[in-house]
Amino acid sequence: MSILKRPSPLRTMRVDKLEVEIYATRAEMGVAAAWDVAAQMRELLAQQERVHMVFAAAPSQNEFLAALASFPDLDWSRVEAFHMDEYVGLPEDAPQRFGNFLRAHIFALVRPGRVEYINGNAPDPEAECERYAKLLQERPIDIVCAGIGENGHMAFNDPHVADFEDPKVVKVVTLDEVCRQQQVHDGAFATIEEVPRQALTMTMPALMSARWITCVVPGPTKTEAVYRTLRGPISTACPATIMRRHDHAVLYLDQAAAAKL
């Protein structure tokens, strides 16, 4: 889909503070989200020397990332890019590694001035969490580009480890079975046995500290998670519900993801 015109949503709504936009197709959803992130980047670049951004890595982000990489006027040399989570123990060249995914889908295309990767194979995972946390804390996070998992997680903050008051910025987590099965549904792994059991992840307070949150959620496998995010209580039972308390968060959906609304 062309990025020359911003698609119009079929429907918009607000749930608490969270803005919601529903689009006819995944492609339109992705382009609209990219338009808005590009506008935020332009605004920030006019005000400050560098833009501090965090990206999610998942097939759900494909249309958004492709569109964002297509804007010719963005000065990516002034962008500092991070990712929000990484598996523990995958080979360095594994395509499932989130750093490798983002390198292929956005970083190699736009060449940010700085890219910092989480090392999921660090000999001391706790020390790696501390190292990455210090990098993230060098300056405030401007933009988080996120998704929502089938269990309502953001990054790898599954319900059993999510903490809205987490004192940590990055932590080691054990993935729940719904999260691991989602990786099979997404086509990243052939079987659940291949999916790592642990990961390093930014915590919920770290993600929510961003000035802007753009959350892109397409597809029928996310319908229940979207419903719980917007209609359920704000709770770590569905971590994404916390976006309803953020001052500048927008949830972009296609019709399939919004089917239960």
C-alpha atoms as a PDB file:
ATOM      1  CA  MET A   1       0.000   0.000   0.000  1.00  0.00           C
ATOM      2  CA  SER A   2       1.220   3.507  -0.853  1.00  0.00           C
ATOM      3  CA  ILE A   3       2.332   5.737   2.001  1.00  0.00           C
ATOM      4  CA  LEU A   4       1.426   8.877   0.041  1.00  0.00           C
ATOM      5  CA  LYS A   5      -1.918   9.177   1.818  1.00  0.00           C
ATOM      6  CA  ARG A   6      -2.848   8.321   5.384  1.00  0.00           C
ATOM      7  CA  PRO A   7      -5.720   5.790   5.428  1.00  0.00           C
ATOM      8  CA  SER A   8      -8.862   6.726   7.318  1.00  0.00           C
ATOM      9  CA  PRO A   9     -10.134   4.444  10.071  1.00  0.00           C
ATOM     10  CA  LEU A  10     -13.482   2.721   9.837  1.00  0.00           C
ATOM     11  CA  ARG A  11     -14.101   3.542  13.475  1.00  0.00           C
ATOM     12  CA  THR A  12     -12.452   5.303  16.388  1.00  0.00           C
ATOM     13  CA  MET A  13     -13.084   5.124  20.109  1.00  0.00           C
ATOM     14  CA  ARG A  14     -11.535   6.017  23.439  1.00  0.00           C
ATOM     15  CA  VAL A  15     -11.302   3.659  26.400  1.00  0.00           C
ATOM     16  CA  ASP A  16     -10.225   5.595  29.467  1.00  0.00           C
ATOM     17  CA  LYS A  17      -7.192   7.494  28.073  1.00  0.00           C
ATOM     18  CA  LEU A  18      -6.418   5.004  25.289  1.00  0.00           C
ATOM     19  CA  GLU A  19      -7.248   6.041  21.725  1.00  0.00           C
ATOM     20  CA  VAL A  20      -8.350   3.173  19.447  1.00  0.00           C
ATOM     21  CA  GLU A  21      -8.430   3.220  15.645  1.00  0.00           C
ATOM     22  CA  ILE A  22      -9.895   0.353  13.591  1.00  0.00           C
ATOM     23  CA  TYR A  23      -8.954  -0.111   9.917  1.00  0.00           C
ATOM     24  CA  ALA A  24     -10.358  -2.201   7.089  1.00  0.00           C
ATOM     25  CA  THR A  25      -7.116  -4.099   6.463  1.00  0.00           C
ATOM     26  CA  ARG A  26      -3.760  -4.919   8.032  1.00  0.00           C
ATOM     27  CA  ALA A  27      -2.066  -2.848   5.356  1.00  0.00           C
ATOM     28  CA  GLU A  28      -4.136   0.261   6.097  1.00  0.00           C
ATOM     29  CA  MET A  29      -3.593  -0.218   9.833  1.00  0.00           C
ATOM     30  CA  GLY A  30       0.175  -0.423   9.364  1.00  0.00           C
ATOM     31  CA  VAL A  31       0.391   2.613   7.104  1.00  0.00           C
ATOM     32  CA  ALA A  32      -1.750   4.739   9.430  1.00  0.00           C
ATOM     33  CA  ALA A  33       0.402   3.849  12.432  1.00  0.00           C
ATOM     34  CA  ALA A  34       3.543   4.598  10.436  1.00  0.00           C
ATOM     35  CA  TRP A  35       2.169   7.993   9.402  1.00  0.00           C
ATOM     36  CA  ASP A  36       1.585   8.900  13.026  1.00  0.00           C
ATOM     37  CA  VAL A  37       4.984   7.687  14.242  1.00  0.00           C
ATOM     38  CA  ALA A  38       6.667   9.560  11.394  1.00  0.00           C
ATOM     39  CA  ALA A  39       4.830  12.728  12.467  1.00  0.00           C
ATOM     40  CA  GLN A  40       5.970  12.219  16.070  1.00  0.00           C
ATOM     41  CA  MET A  41       9.552  11.736  14.885  1.00  0.00           C
ATOM     42  CA  ARG A  42       9.446  14.937  12.832  1.00  0.00           C
ATOM     43  CA  GLU A  43       8.088  16.881  15.792  1.00  0.00           C
ATOM     44  CA  LEU A  44      10.765  15.535  18.112  1.00  0.00           C
ATOM     45  CA  LEU A  45      13.591  16.062  15.625  1.00  0.00           C
ATOM     46  CA  ALA A  46      12.562  19.711  15.373  1.00  0.00           C
ATOM     47  CA  GLN A  47      12.835  20.055  19.166  1.00  0.00           C
ATOM     48  CA  GLN A  48      15.805  17.918  20.206  1.00  0.00           C
ATOM     49  CA  GLU A  49      19.038  16.491  18.877  1.00  0.00           C
ATOM     50  CA  ARG A  50      18.113  12.798  19.057  1.00  0.00           C
ATOM     51  CA  VAL A  51      15.016  10.606  19.216  1.00  0.00           C
ATOM     52  CA  HIS A  52      15.027   7.608  21.562  1.00  0.00           C
ATOM     53  CA  MET A  53      12.830   4.766  20.179  1.00  0.00           C
ATOM     54  CA  VAL A  54      11.997   1.206  21.237  1.00  0.00           C
ATOM     55  CA  PHE A  55      10.644  -1.386  18.803  1.00  0.00           C
ATOM     56  CA  ALA A  56       8.717  -4.642  19.136  1.00  0.00           C
ATOM     57  CA  ALA A  57       9.778  -7.565  16.954  1.00  0.00           C
ATOM     58  CA  ALA A  58       6.953  -9.760  15.634  1.00  0.00           C
ATOM     59  CA  PRO A  59       5.168 -10.563  12.367  1.00  0.00           C
ATOM     60  CA  SER A  60       2.310  -8.376  13.602  1.00  0.00           C
ATOM     61  CA  GLN A  61       4.598  -5.380  13.052  1.00  0.00           C
ATOM     62  CA  ASN A  62       5.513  -6.174   9.435  1.00  0.00           C
ATOM     63  CA  GLU A  63       3.161  -3.757   7.690  1.00  0.00           C
ATOM     64  CA  PHE A  64       3.919  -0.961  10.127  1.00  0.00           C
ATOM     65  CA  LEU A  65       7.698  -1.361   9.892  1.00  0.00           C
ATOM     66  CA  ALA A  66       7.649  -1.557   6.087  1.00  0.00           C
ATOM     67  CA  ALA A  67       5.638   1.639   5.868  1.00  0.00           C
ATOM     68  CA  LEU A  68       7.780   3.481   8.421  1.00  0.00           C
ATOM     69  CA  ALA A  69      10.926   2.580   6.484  1.00  0.00           C
ATOM     70  CA  SER A  70       9.412   4.106   3.332  1.00  0.00           C
ATOM     71  CA  PHE A  71       9.191   7.747   4.421  1.00  0.00           C
ATOM     72  CA  PRO A  72      12.041   9.510   2.590  1.00  0.00           C
ATOM     73  CA  ASP A  73      12.285  12.607   4.802  1.00  0.00           C
ATOM     74  CA  LEU A  74      13.024  11.116   8.230  1.00  0.00           C
ATOM     75  CA  ASP A  75      16.540  11.752   9.564  1.00  0.00           C
ATOM     76  CA  TRP A  76      17.269   8.324  10.990  1.00  0.00           C
ATOM     77  CA  SER A  77      20.880   9.320  11.654  1.00  0.00           C
ATOM     78  CA  ARG A  78      19.534  11.121  14.736  1.00  0.00           C
ATOM     79  CA  VAL A  79      17.539   8.126  16.005  1.00  0.00           C
ATOM     80  CA  GLU A  80      18.724   5.874  18.841  1.00  0.00           C
ATOM     81  CA  ALA A  81      16.987   2.510  18.430  1.00  0.00           C
ATOM     82  CA  PHE A  82      16.414  -0.232  21.004  1.00  0.00           C
ATOM     83  CA  HIS A  83      14.317  -3.368  21.139  1.00  0.00           C
ATOM     84  CA  MET A  84      12.110  -4.432  23.997  1.00  0.00           C
ATOM     85  CA  ASP A  85      12.916  -8.121  24.466  1.00  0.00           C
ATOM     86  CA  GLU A  86      15.069 -11.052  23.369  1.00  0.00           C
ATOM     87  CA  TYR A  87      15.084 -14.825  23.726  1.00  0.00           C
ATOM     88  CA  VAL A  88      17.709 -16.532  25.848  1.00  0.00           C
ATOM     89  CA  GLY A  89      19.861 -19.148  24.185  1.00  0.00           C
ATOM     90  CA  LEU A  90      19.164 -18.946  20.457  1.00  0.00           C
ATOM     91  CA  PRO A  91      22.108 -19.098  18.010  1.00  0.00           C
ATOM     92  CA  GLU A  92      23.484 -15.689  17.057  1.00  0.00           C
ATOM     93  CA  ASP A  93      22.298 -16.042  13.452  1.00  0.00           C
ATOM     94  CA  ALA A  94      18.835 -17.437  14.271  1.00  0.00           C
ATOM     95  CA  PRO A  95      16.173 -15.475  12.348  1.00  0.00           C
ATOM     96  CA  GLN A  96      13.875 -15.806  15.374  1.00  0.00           C
ATOM     97  CA  ARG A  97      16.163 -13.597  17.452  1.00  0.00           C
ATOM     98  CA  PHE A  98      14.381 -10.293  17.802  1.00  0.00           C
ATOM     99  CA  GLY A  99      17.511  -8.281  17.143  1.00  0.00           C
ATOM    100  CA  ASN A 100      17.945 -10.112  13.843  1.00  0.00           C
ATOM    101  CA  PHE A 101      14.269  -9.607  12.972  1.00  0.00           C
ATOM    102  CA  LEU A 102      14.477  -5.860  13.516  1.00  0.00           C
ATOM    103  CA  ARG A 103      17.783  -5.610  11.687  1.00  0.00           C
ATOM    104  CA  ALA A 104      16.165  -7.175   8.621  1.00  0.00           C
ATOM    105  CA  HIS A 105      12.809  -5.388   8.798  1.00  0.00           C
ATOM    106  CA  ILE A 106      13.801  -1.845   9.763  1.00  0.00           C
ATOM    107  CA  PHE A 107      17.345  -1.117  10.981  1.00  0.00           C
ATOM    108  CA  ALA A 108      19.191  -2.259   7.844  1.00  0.00           C
ATOM    109  CA  LEU A 109      16.740  -0.279   5.720  1.00  0.00           C
ATOM    110  CA  VAL A 110      16.871   3.071   7.513  1.00  0.00           C
ATOM    111  CA  ARG A 111      20.240   2.837   9.317  1.00  0.00           C
ATOM    112  CA  PRO A 112      19.599   4.608  12.617  1.00  0.00           C
ATOM    113  CA  GLY A 113      22.514   6.560  14.009  1.00  0.00           C
ATOM    114  CA  ARG A 114      22.639   4.177  16.962  1.00  0.00           C
ATOM    115  CA  VAL A 115      21.224   0.694  17.476  1.00  0.00           C
ATOM    116  CA  GLU A 116      21.610  -1.143  20.781  1.00  0.00           C
ATOM    117  CA  TYR A 117      20.861  -4.879  20.902  1.00  0.00           C
ATOM    118  CA  ILE A 118      19.976  -7.068  23.879  1.00  0.00           C
ATOM    119  CA  ASN A 119      22.374 -10.017  24.096  1.00  0.00           C
ATOM    120  CA  GLY A 120      20.243 -13.057  24.830  1.00  0.00           C
ATOM    121  CA  ASN A 121      23.379 -15.200  25.012  1.00  0.00           C
ATOM    122  CA  ALA A 122      25.218 -13.134  27.601  1.00  0.00           C
ATOM    123  CA  PRO A 123      26.992 -15.395  30.123  1.00  0.00           C
ATOM    124  CA  ASP A 124      25.368 -13.459  32.975  1.00  0.00           C
ATOM    125  CA  PRO A 125      21.758 -12.613  32.028  1.00  0.00           C
ATOM    126  CA  GLU A 126      21.206 -10.448  35.110  1.00  0.00           C
ATOM    127  CA  ALA A 127      24.275  -8.381  34.286  1.00  0.00           C
ATOM    128  CA  GLU A 128      23.039  -8.024  30.706  1.00  0.00           C
ATOM    129  CA  CYS A 129      19.709  -6.726  32.027  1.00  0.00           C
ATOM    130  CA  GLU A 130      21.566  -4.124  34.071  1.00  0.00           C
ATOM    131  CA  ARG A 131      23.749  -3.141  31.102  1.00  0.00           C
ATOM    132  CA  TYR A 132      20.775  -2.649  28.799  1.00  0.00           C
ATOM    133  CA  ALA A 133      18.792  -0.823  31.478  1.00  0.00           C
ATOM    134  CA  LYS A 134      21.597   1.742  31.831  1.00  0.00           C
ATOM    135  CA  LEU A 135      21.556   2.349  28.075  1.00  0.00           C
ATOM    136  CA  LEU A 136      17.779   2.818  28.077  1.00  0.00           C
ATOM    137  CA  GLN A 137      18.012   5.239  30.991  1.00  0.00           C
ATOM    138  CA  GLU A 138      20.566   7.551  29.379  1.00  0.00           C
ATOM    139  CA  ARG A 139      17.672   9.754  28.276  1.00  0.00           C
ATOM    140  CA  PRO A 140      13.866   9.551  28.373  1.00  0.00           C
ATOM    141  CA  ILE A 141      12.213   7.184  25.911  1.00  0.00           C
ATOM    142  CA  ASP A 142      10.358   9.163  23.271  1.00  0.00           C
ATOM    143  CA  ILE A 143       8.445   6.519  21.299  1.00  0.00           C
ATOM    144  CA  VAL A 144       7.600   2.881  21.975  1.00  0.00           C
ATOM    145  CA  CYS A 145       6.356   0.907  18.956  1.00  0.00           C
ATOM    146  CA  ALA A 146       4.591  -2.065  20.521  1.00  0.00           C
ATOM    147  CA  GLY A 147       2.233  -4.974  19.982  1.00  0.00           C
ATOM    148  CA  ILE A 148       0.055  -7.153  22.189  1.00  0.00           C
ATOM    149  CA  GLY A 149       0.437 -10.911  22.607  1.00  0.00           C
ATOM    150  CA  GLU A 150      -2.342 -13.477  22.619  1.00  0.00           C
ATOM    151  CA  ASN A 151      -2.214 -13.515  26.421  1.00  0.00           C
ATOM    152  CA  GLY A 152      -2.266  -9.707  26.606  1.00  0.00           C
ATOM    153  CA  HIS A 153       1.466  -9.368  27.153  1.00  0.00           C
ATOM    154  CA  MET A 154       3.583  -6.448  26.042  1.00  0.00           C
ATOM    155  CA  ALA A 155       7.200  -7.308  25.336  1.00  0.00           C
ATOM    156  CA  PHE A 156       7.626 -10.565  27.287  1.00  0.00           C
ATOM    157  CA  ASN A 157       5.667  -9.358  30.310  1.00  0.00           C
ATOM    158  CA  ASP A 158       3.338 -12.366  30.438  1.00  0.00           C
ATOM    159  CA  PRO A 159       0.575 -12.169  33.074  1.00  0.00           C
ATOM    160  CA  HIS A 160       2.444 -14.247  35.647  1.00  0.00           C
ATOM    161  CA  VAL A 161       5.523 -11.964  35.579  1.00  0.00           C
ATOM    162  CA  ALA A 162       4.013  -8.575  34.663  1.00  0.00           C
ATOM    163  CA  ASP A 163       4.279  -5.936  37.379  1.00  0.00           C
ATOM    164  CA  PHE A 164       2.921  -2.422  36.895  1.00  0.00           C
ATOM    165  CA  GLU A 165       5.181  -1.213  39.727  1.00  0.00           C
ATOM    166  CA  ASP A 166       8.253  -3.224  38.729  1.00  0.00           C
ATOM    167  CA  PRO A 167      11.416  -1.640  40.162  1.00  0.00           C
ATOM    168  CA  LYS A 168      13.497  -3.054  37.310  1.00  0.00           C
ATOM    169  CA  VAL A 169      13.899  -1.666  33.792  1.00  0.00           C
ATOM    170  CA  VAL A 170      14.931  -4.965  32.179  1.00  0.00           C
ATOM    171  CA  LYS A 171      14.571  -8.425  33.721  1.00  0.00           C
ATOM    172  CA  VAL A 172      14.890 -12.157  33.078  1.00  0.00           C
ATOM    173  CA  VAL A 173      11.532 -13.930  32.680  1.00  0.00           C
ATOM    174  CA  THR A 174      10.189 -17.420  32.106  1.00  0.00           C
ATOM    175  CA  LEU A 175       7.655 -17.498  29.274  1.00  0.00           C
ATOM    176  CA  ASP A 176       4.206 -18.983  29.819  1.00  0.00           C
ATOM    177  CA  GLU A 177       2.768 -21.671  27.554  1.00  0.00           C
ATOM    178  CA  VAL A 178       0.322 -19.338  25.787  1.00  0.00           C
ATOM    179  CA  CYS A 179       3.184 -17.019  24.881  1.00  0.00           C
ATOM    180  CA  ARG A 180       5.361 -19.878  23.655  1.00  0.00           C
ATOM    181  CA  GLN A 181       2.508 -21.334  21.602  1.00  0.00           C
ATOM    182  CA  GLN A 182       1.939 -17.921  20.005  1.00  0.00           C
ATOM    183  CA  GLN A 183       5.439 -18.101  18.558  1.00  0.00           C
ATOM    184  CA  VAL A 184       4.339 -21.282  16.763  1.00  0.00           C
ATOM    185  CA  HIS A 185       1.108 -19.623  15.576  1.00  0.00           C
ATOM    186  CA  ASP A 186       3.212 -16.769  14.187  1.00  0.00           C
ATOM    187  CA  GLY A 187       5.308 -19.226  12.184  1.00  0.00           C
ATOM    188  CA  ALA A 188       8.538 -18.376  13.968  1.00  0.00           C
ATOM    189  CA  PHE A 189       8.994 -21.928  15.256  1.00  0.00           C
ATOM    190  CA  ALA A 190       7.702 -25.267  13.982  1.00  0.00           C
ATOM    191  CA  THR A 191       6.865 -26.682  17.421  1.00  0.00           C
ATOM    192  CA  ILE A 192       6.530 -25.365  20.957  1.00  0.00           C
ATOM    193  CA  GLU A 193       9.491 -27.490  22.001  1.00  0.00           C
ATOM    194  CA  GLU A 194      11.720 -25.278  19.846  1.00  0.00           C
ATOM    195  CA  VAL A 195      10.596 -22.070  21.561  1.00  0.00           C
ATOM    196  CA  PRO A 196      13.001 -20.889  24.292  1.00  0.00           C
ATOM    197  CA  ARG A 197      11.646 -20.934  27.815  1.00  0.00           C
ATOM    198  CA  GLN A 198      13.373 -17.756  28.991  1.00  0.00           C
ATOM    199  CA  ALA A 199      13.856 -14.242  27.702  1.00  0.00           C
ATOM    200  CA  LEU A 200      15.115 -10.812  28.696  1.00  0.00           C
ATOM    201  CA  THR A 201      12.464  -8.106  28.590  1.00  0.00           C
ATOM    202  CA  MET A 202      11.848  -4.472  29.312  1.00  0.00           C
ATOM    203  CA  THR A 203       9.385  -4.206  32.185  1.00  0.00           C
ATOM    204  CA  MET A 204       5.939  -2.636  32.049  1.00  0.00           C
ATOM    205  CA  PRO A 205       6.955   0.619  33.814  1.00  0.00           C
ATOM    206  CA  ALA A 206       9.888   0.978  31.410  1.00  0.00           C
ATOM    207  CA  LEU A 207       7.590   0.654  28.404  1.00  0.00           C
ATOM    208  CA  MET A 208       4.967   2.957  29.895  1.00  0.00           C
ATOM    209  CA  SER A 209       7.586   5.641  30.579  1.00  0.00           C
ATOM    210  CA  ALA A 210       7.634   6.539  26.873  1.00  0.00           C
ATOM    211  CA  ARG A 211       6.267   9.888  25.774  1.00  0.00           C
ATOM    212  CA  TRP A 212       4.226   8.183  23.027  1.00  0.00           C
ATOM    213  CA  ILE A 213       3.094   4.570  22.621  1.00  0.00           C
ATOM    214  CA  THR A 214       2.017   3.232  19.248  1.00  0.00           C
ATOM    215  CA  CYS A 215       0.529  -0.258  19.567  1.00  0.00           C
ATOM    216  CA  VAL A 216      -0.190  -2.201  16.367  1.00  0.00           C
ATOM    217  CA  VAL A 217      -2.348  -5.329  16.716  1.00  0.00           C
ATOM    218  CA  PRO A 218      -3.726  -7.165  13.667  1.00  0.00           C
ATOM    219  CA  GLY A 219      -5.291 -10.537  13.077  1.00  0.00           C
ATOM    220  CA  PRO A 220      -7.870 -13.012  14.373  1.00  0.00           C
ATOM    221  CA  THR A 221      -5.527 -14.614  16.917  1.00  0.00           C
ATOM    222  CA  LYS A 222      -5.474 -11.314  18.839  1.00  0.00           C
ATOM    223  CA  THR A 223      -9.256 -10.808  19.017  1.00  0.00           C
ATOM    224  CA  GLU A 224      -9.647 -12.050  22.599  1.00  0.00           C
ATOM    225  CA  ALA A 225      -6.590 -10.146  23.837  1.00  0.00           C
ATOM    226  CA  VAL A 226      -7.906  -6.931  22.276  1.00  0.00           C
ATOM    227  CA  TYR A 227     -11.300  -7.453  23.878  1.00  0.00           C
ATOM    228  CA  ARG A 228      -9.741  -8.021  27.301  1.00  0.00           C
ATOM    229  CA  THR A 229      -7.434  -5.005  26.851  1.00  0.00           C
ATOM    230  CA  LEU A 230     -10.365  -2.686  26.193  1.00  0.00           C
ATOM    231  CA  ARG A 231     -13.254  -4.271  28.101  1.00  0.00           C
ATOM    232  CA  GLY A 232     -11.618  -5.988  31.074  1.00  0.00           C
ATOM    233  CA  PRO A 233     -10.311  -4.525  34.330  1.00  0.00           C
ATOM    234  CA  ILE A 234      -6.899  -2.864  34.339  1.00  0.00           C
ATOM    235  CA  SER A 235      -4.844  -5.711  35.711  1.00  0.00           C
ATOM    236  CA  THR A 236      -1.673  -7.714  35.152  1.00  0.00           C
ATOM    237  CA  ALA A 237      -4.001 -10.578  34.184  1.00  0.00           C
ATOM    238  CA  CYS A 238      -3.963  -8.727  30.840  1.00  0.00           C
ATOM    239  CA  PRO A 239      -0.877  -6.521  30.983  1.00  0.00           C
ATOM    240  CA  ALA A 240      -1.821  -4.399  27.944  1.00  0.00           C
ATOM    241  CA  THR A 241      -4.716  -2.893  29.909  1.00  0.00           C
ATOM    242  CA  ILE A 242      -2.252  -0.494  31.536  1.00  0.00           C
ATOM    243  CA  MET A 243      -2.146   1.484  28.276  1.00  0.00           C
ATOM    244  CA  ARG A 244      -5.555   2.833  29.278  1.00  0.00           C
ATOM    245  CA  ARG A 245      -3.750   4.971  31.867  1.00  0.00           C
ATOM    246  CA  HIS A 246      -1.145   6.387  29.471  1.00  0.00           C
ATOM    247  CA  ASP A 247      -1.578   9.979  28.328  1.00  0.00           C
ATOM    248  CA  HIS A 248      -0.425   9.440  24.742  1.00  0.00           C
ATOM    249  CA  ALA A 249      -1.105   5.853  23.634  1.00  0.00           C
ATOM    250  CA  VAL A 250      -2.913   4.760  20.472  1.00  0.00           C
ATOM    251  CA  LEU A 251      -4.042   1.220  19.649  1.00  0.00           C
ATOM    252  CA  TYR A 252      -4.254   0.446  15.917  1.00  0.00           C
ATOM    253  CA  LEU A 253      -6.399  -2.556  14.925  1.00  0.00           C
ATOM    254  CA  ASP A 254      -7.619  -4.247  11.782  1.00  0.00           C
ATOM    255  CA  GLN A 255     -11.167  -5.577  11.541  1.00  0.00           C
ATOM    256  CA  ALA A 256     -10.128  -9.105  12.497  1.00  0.00           C
ATOM    257  CA  ALA A 257      -8.475  -8.023  15.740  1.00  0.00           C
ATOM    258  CA  ALA A 258     -11.463  -5.785  16.566  1.00  0.00           C
ATOM    259  CA  ALA A 259     -14.106  -8.422  15.816  1.00  0.00           C
ATOM    260  CA  LYS A 260     -15.373  -8.729  19.422  1.00  0.00           C
ATOM    261  CA  LEU A 261     -15.699  -5.002  20.043  1.00  0.00           C
END
